[in-house]
Amino acid sequence: MRIHALLLCIATLLYACGPEETAPDKTGEMDYFPLVDGAWFLYKIDSIDFEKRPYDTLHYWIKEVVAPEIKALDGGNYHQIFVFQKRKWTDNWLKVRTDLAQTTDMGAKRYSENVMFLKQVYPPEMNLTWNEAPYNNTGSLYGDLISLQNAKYVKVNDYHILDNRGYDSTLNIEIFSQYDFINRIDFRERYANHIGLYRRFELNAEFQPLDPESTDSVNNLVPNSGYKFIQTLIDHHIPN
């Protein structure tokens, strides 16, 4: 009995002296927000305006290029992200703005159009919530109905197929969601490990029934106002 107790003590000491567990490296296994000088990302945009009749649908392209760091007003170092746009594929790229982005051991932030967004927190956990826009009131952007204060991870390390492309190790982030009889609001973003944002989806619309007497609550409802916005990655390059 004493021998067993002695062996148990030795095993406990060996375990205690073993390598200390550390938090996952966000720039290694969890590099969902890569910021590398010279990296670029090409997105196709599909936007539908439900205000107009018939609905106004736009298709255009956005290119984001990561540029060297600069010091921002808060004293932190941020990578510049040059954002270009063109309405037709045969057009030349037109620079429309410069965003700022930063990653730390706590999370990833992006400053865009005078709003600082906290895009991710580390390490990601299922249903983990955080303050999506900690420095600004976004009511002026989307209306008082939408609050970007409780974004959360709904899928972590997920495999996702989009447009016949398979993305391994992805994050599905629910930024805001509200469904009732009239309002259909769903803001989501998807990030792929070592790639970054590959899907952004916004649905912010009010619906009305085609037939008030119908009991079909899905097919009977059509958008009466608002918009749908879909941003999909079609190509990218990240230098080694």
Protein backbone atom coordinates (compact mmCIF):
# COMPACT_ATOMS: atom_id res chain seq x y z
CA MET A 1 0.00 0.00 0.00
CA ARG A 2 2.88 2.33 0.85
CA ILE A 3 4.58 1.50 -2.46
CA HIS A 4 1.44 2.47 -4.38
CA ALA A 5 1.21 5.75 -2.48
CA LEU A 6 4.89 6.48 -3.19
CA LEU A 7 4.42 5.82 -6.93
CA LEU A 8 1.37 8.08 -6.96
CA CYS A 9 3.36 10.92 -5.36
CA ILE A 10 6.19 10.49 -7.88
CA ALA A 11 3.72 10.56 -10.79
CA THR A 12 2.09 13.68 -9.39
CA LEU A 13 5.44 15.45 -9.08
CA LEU A 14 6.45 14.47 -12.63
CA TYR A 15 3.14 15.79 -13.99
CA ALA A 16 3.50 19.05 -12.07
CA CYS A 17 7.01 19.54 -13.47
CA GLY A 18 5.89 18.89 -17.04
CA PRO A 19 5.61 21.57 -19.75
CA GLU A 20 3.28 24.38 -18.80
CA GLU A 21 0.16 24.73 -20.92
CA THR A 22 0.00 27.95 -22.93
CA ALA A 23 -2.77 29.69 -24.78
CA PRO A 24 -2.96 28.93 -28.53
CA ASP A 25 -0.85 31.19 -30.71
CA LYS A 26 -3.27 33.39 -32.64
CA THR A 27 -0.65 33.99 -35.36
CA GLY A 28 -0.11 30.24 -35.77
CA GLU A 29 -3.02 27.91 -35.26
CA MET A 30 -5.61 30.71 -35.12
CA ASP A 31 -4.50 33.13 -37.81
CA TYR A 32 -8.00 34.13 -38.92
CA PHE A 33 -7.05 37.79 -39.36
CA PRO A 34 -3.75 37.72 -41.30
CA LEU A 35 -2.03 41.09 -41.68
CA VAL A 36 0.96 40.65 -43.98
CA ASP A 37 2.43 43.50 -46.01
CA GLY A 38 1.57 43.02 -49.67
CA ALA A 39 -1.30 40.60 -49.08
CA TRP A 40 -4.37 41.24 -51.19
CA PHE A 41 -7.95 39.97 -51.20
CA LEU A 42 -10.43 40.16 -54.07
CA TYR A 43 -14.16 40.10 -53.28
CA LYS A 44 -17.30 40.01 -55.39
CA ILE A 45 -20.18 42.09 -54.04
CA ASP A 46 -23.85 41.29 -54.62
CA SER A 47 -26.13 43.99 -53.27
CA ILE A 48 -29.93 44.17 -53.49
CA ASP A 49 -31.89 47.33 -52.66
CA PHE A 50 -35.43 46.42 -51.63
CA GLU A 51 -36.55 50.06 -51.59
CA LYS A 52 -36.90 50.22 -55.36
CA ARG A 53 -39.42 48.48 -57.63
CA PRO A 54 -38.29 46.31 -59.25
CA TYR A 55 -35.54 45.51 -56.77
CA ASP A 56 -32.24 47.16 -57.69
CA THR A 57 -29.41 44.62 -57.86
CA LEU A 58 -25.76 45.68 -58.07
CA HIS A 59 -22.69 43.55 -58.74
CA TYR A 60 -19.22 44.97 -58.28
CA TRP A 61 -15.76 44.09 -56.96
CA ILE A 62 -13.62 45.18 -54.02
CA LYS A 63 -9.89 44.66 -53.64
CA GLU A 64 -8.15 45.07 -50.29
CA VAL A 65 -4.35 45.45 -50.10
CA VAL A 66 -2.48 45.26 -46.79
CA ALA A 67 0.12 48.04 -46.45
CA PRO A 68 2.80 48.73 -43.78
CA GLU A 69 1.93 49.80 -40.25
CA ILE A 70 1.44 53.38 -39.15
CA LYS A 71 0.87 54.89 -35.72
CA ALA A 72 -2.77 55.85 -35.16
CA LEU A 73 -4.29 58.56 -32.97
CA ASP A 74 -4.62 56.15 -30.04
CA GLY A 75 -0.86 55.55 -30.14
CA GLY A 76 -1.15 51.98 -31.41
CA ASN A 77 0.43 50.53 -34.54
CA TYR A 78 -2.09 49.60 -37.25
CA HIS A 79 -1.67 48.08 -40.68
CA GLN A 80 -3.16 50.13 -43.46
CA ILE A 81 -5.66 48.41 -45.71
CA PHE A 82 -6.13 50.14 -49.06
CA VAL A 83 -9.63 49.45 -50.38
CA PHE A 84 -10.24 49.64 -54.14
CA GLN A 85 -13.48 49.24 -56.07
CA LYS A 86 -14.68 48.82 -59.62
CA ARG A 87 -18.21 48.50 -60.96
CA LYS A 88 -17.28 46.58 -64.11
CA TRP A 89 -14.58 43.98 -64.39
CA THR A 90 -13.09 45.83 -67.38
CA ASP A 91 -12.82 49.09 -65.38
CA ASN A 92 -9.69 50.29 -63.61
CA TRP A 93 -9.44 49.99 -59.85
CA LEU A 94 -10.48 53.13 -57.97
CA LYS A 95 -9.24 53.65 -54.43
CA VAL A 96 -12.21 54.49 -52.19
CA ARG A 97 -10.73 54.55 -48.66
CA THR A 98 -7.98 53.42 -46.29
CA ASP A 99 -8.89 51.25 -43.30
CA LEU A 100 -6.68 50.45 -40.33
CA ALA A 101 -6.37 46.99 -38.79
CA GLN A 102 -4.58 45.55 -35.78
CA THR A 103 -4.16 42.21 -34.05
CA THR A 104 -3.12 41.73 -30.43
CA ASP A 105 -3.08 38.82 -28.01
CA MET A 106 -6.63 39.80 -27.03
CA GLY A 107 -8.31 40.27 -30.41
CA ALA A 108 -8.45 41.77 -33.89
CA LYS A 109 -9.73 45.25 -34.68
CA ARG A 110 -10.53 47.17 -37.83
CA TYR A 111 -11.11 50.90 -38.12
CA SER A 112 -13.34 51.61 -41.12
CA GLU A 113 -15.22 54.77 -42.09
CA ASN A 114 -14.70 56.34 -38.65
CA VAL A 115 -15.98 53.29 -36.76
CA MET A 116 -13.70 50.99 -34.76
CA PHE A 117 -14.94 47.40 -34.95
CA LEU A 118 -13.69 44.62 -32.73
CA LYS A 119 -13.81 41.78 -35.24
CA GLN A 120 -12.57 38.86 -33.14
CA VAL A 121 -11.44 37.93 -29.64
CA TYR A 122 -8.90 35.27 -28.68
CA PRO A 123 -9.07 32.42 -28.06
CA PRO A 124 -12.36 31.82 -29.91
CA GLU A 125 -14.98 29.83 -28.02
CA MET A 126 -18.50 28.77 -28.90
CA ASN A 127 -21.13 31.39 -28.02
CA LEU A 128 -18.45 33.70 -26.65
CA THR A 129 -19.81 37.26 -26.87
CA TRP A 130 -17.94 40.53 -27.05
CA ASN A 131 -18.46 44.21 -27.75
CA GLU A 132 -18.49 44.44 -31.54
CA ALA A 133 -18.21 48.24 -31.76
CA PRO A 134 -16.71 49.36 -28.46
CA TYR A 135 -15.91 52.95 -29.36
CA ASN A 136 -18.86 54.10 -31.46
CA ASN A 137 -22.64 54.06 -31.43
CA THR A 138 -23.64 52.35 -34.67
CA GLY A 139 -27.25 53.53 -34.53
CA SER A 140 -26.46 56.14 -37.14
CA LEU A 141 -25.27 53.40 -39.50
CA TYR A 142 -28.05 50.84 -39.22
CA GLY A 143 -30.77 52.46 -37.13
CA ASP A 144 -31.56 52.22 -33.44
CA LEU A 145 -33.05 48.76 -33.88
CA ILE A 146 -29.63 47.21 -34.50
CA SER A 147 -27.03 47.05 -31.75
CA LEU A 148 -23.63 45.55 -32.51
CA GLN A 149 -22.78 44.94 -28.88
CA ASN A 150 -23.10 41.17 -28.57
CA ALA A 151 -21.38 39.48 -31.50
CA LYS A 152 -20.64 35.82 -30.84
CA TYR A 153 -18.99 32.75 -32.28
CA VAL A 154 -21.64 30.26 -33.41
CA LYS A 155 -19.23 27.85 -35.09
CA VAL A 156 -15.54 27.38 -34.31
CA ASN A 157 -13.08 25.26 -36.27
CA ASP A 158 -15.85 24.46 -38.72
CA TYR A 159 -15.50 23.02 -42.25
CA HIS A 160 -17.47 25.00 -44.81
CA ILE A 161 -18.05 24.61 -48.56
CA LEU A 162 -18.91 27.82 -50.42
CA ASP A 163 -19.18 28.10 -54.20
CA ASN A 164 -17.48 24.70 -54.62
CA ARG A 165 -14.56 25.80 -52.44
CA GLY A 166 -13.81 23.99 -49.22
CA TYR A 167 -12.58 26.02 -46.27
CA ASP A 168 -11.05 24.11 -43.38
CA SER A 169 -10.96 25.55 -39.85
CA THR A 170 -13.37 28.46 -40.11
CA LEU A 171 -15.10 30.84 -37.73
CA ASN A 172 -18.78 31.67 -38.15
CA ILE A 173 -19.51 34.93 -36.34
CA GLU A 174 -23.03 36.15 -35.69
CA ILE A 175 -22.78 39.92 -35.38
CA PHE A 176 -26.50 40.58 -35.03
CA SER A 177 -29.63 38.57 -35.67
CA GLN A 178 -33.31 39.33 -35.23
CA TYR A 179 -36.25 37.54 -36.82
CA ASP A 180 -39.87 38.40 -36.17
CA PHE A 181 -43.00 38.70 -38.29
CA ILE A 182 -41.78 41.88 -40.02
CA ASN A 183 -38.05 42.26 -39.45
CA ARG A 184 -35.42 40.01 -40.98
CA ILE A 185 -31.99 41.12 -39.75
CA ASP A 186 -28.94 38.88 -40.00
CA PHE A 187 -25.34 40.13 -39.95
CA ARG A 188 -22.68 37.40 -40.21
CA GLU A 189 -19.03 37.04 -41.09
CA ARG A 190 -16.96 33.95 -41.84
CA TYR A 191 -13.19 33.73 -41.52
CA ALA A 192 -10.87 30.94 -42.68
CA ASN A 193 -7.64 30.05 -40.94
CA HIS A 194 -4.59 31.62 -42.65
CA ILE A 195 -6.89 33.31 -45.18
CA GLY A 196 -9.08 35.79 -43.33
CA LEU A 197 -12.55 37.04 -44.22
CA TYR A 198 -14.11 35.02 -47.04
CA ARG A 199 -17.81 35.71 -46.52
CA ARG A 200 -19.79 38.66 -45.22
CA PHE A 201 -23.57 38.61 -45.20
CA GLU A 202 -25.99 41.37 -44.25
CA LEU A 203 -29.76 41.16 -44.47
CA ASN A 204 -31.57 44.16 -43.05
CA ALA A 205 -35.12 44.33 -44.36
CA GLU A 206 -38.76 44.63 -43.45
CA PHE A 207 -41.14 42.08 -44.93
CA GLN A 208 -44.84 42.14 -45.73
CA PRO A 209 -47.24 39.29 -46.60
CA LEU A 210 -48.38 38.90 -50.19
CA ASP A 211 -51.63 37.40 -48.97
CA PRO A 212 -52.71 38.48 -45.46
CA GLU A 213 -54.98 35.44 -45.25
CA SER A 214 -52.25 32.93 -46.05
CA THR A 215 -50.86 30.68 -43.31
CA ASP A 216 -47.53 30.27 -45.13
CA SER A 217 -45.21 32.39 -43.00
CA VAL A 218 -42.15 31.84 -45.22
CA ASN A 219 -43.02 31.92 -48.91
CA ASN A 220 -45.79 34.46 -48.37
CA LEU A 221 -43.44 37.13 -47.01
CA VAL A 222 -41.55 39.43 -49.39
CA PRO A 223 -39.18 42.31 -48.58
CA ASN A 224 -40.81 45.69 -48.56
CA SER A 225 -37.77 47.81 -47.66
CA GLY A 226 -34.14 47.46 -46.66
CA TYR A 227 -31.28 45.64 -48.38
CA LYS A 228 -29.20 42.48 -48.72
CA PHE A 229 -25.40 42.62 -49.01
CA ILE A 230 -23.14 39.66 -49.77
CA GLN A 231 -19.34 39.88 -49.96
CA THR A 232 -17.58 36.74 -51.21
CA LEU A 233 -13.86 36.07 -51.57
CA ILE A 234 -12.94 35.01 -55.11
CA ASP A 235 -9.14 35.30 -54.98
CA HIS A 236 -6.36 36.22 -52.60
CA HIS A 237 -2.59 36.22 -52.14
CA ILE A 238 -0.66 36.28 -48.86
CA PRO A 239 3.16 36.51 -49.20
CA ASN A 240 5.20 34.02 -47.19
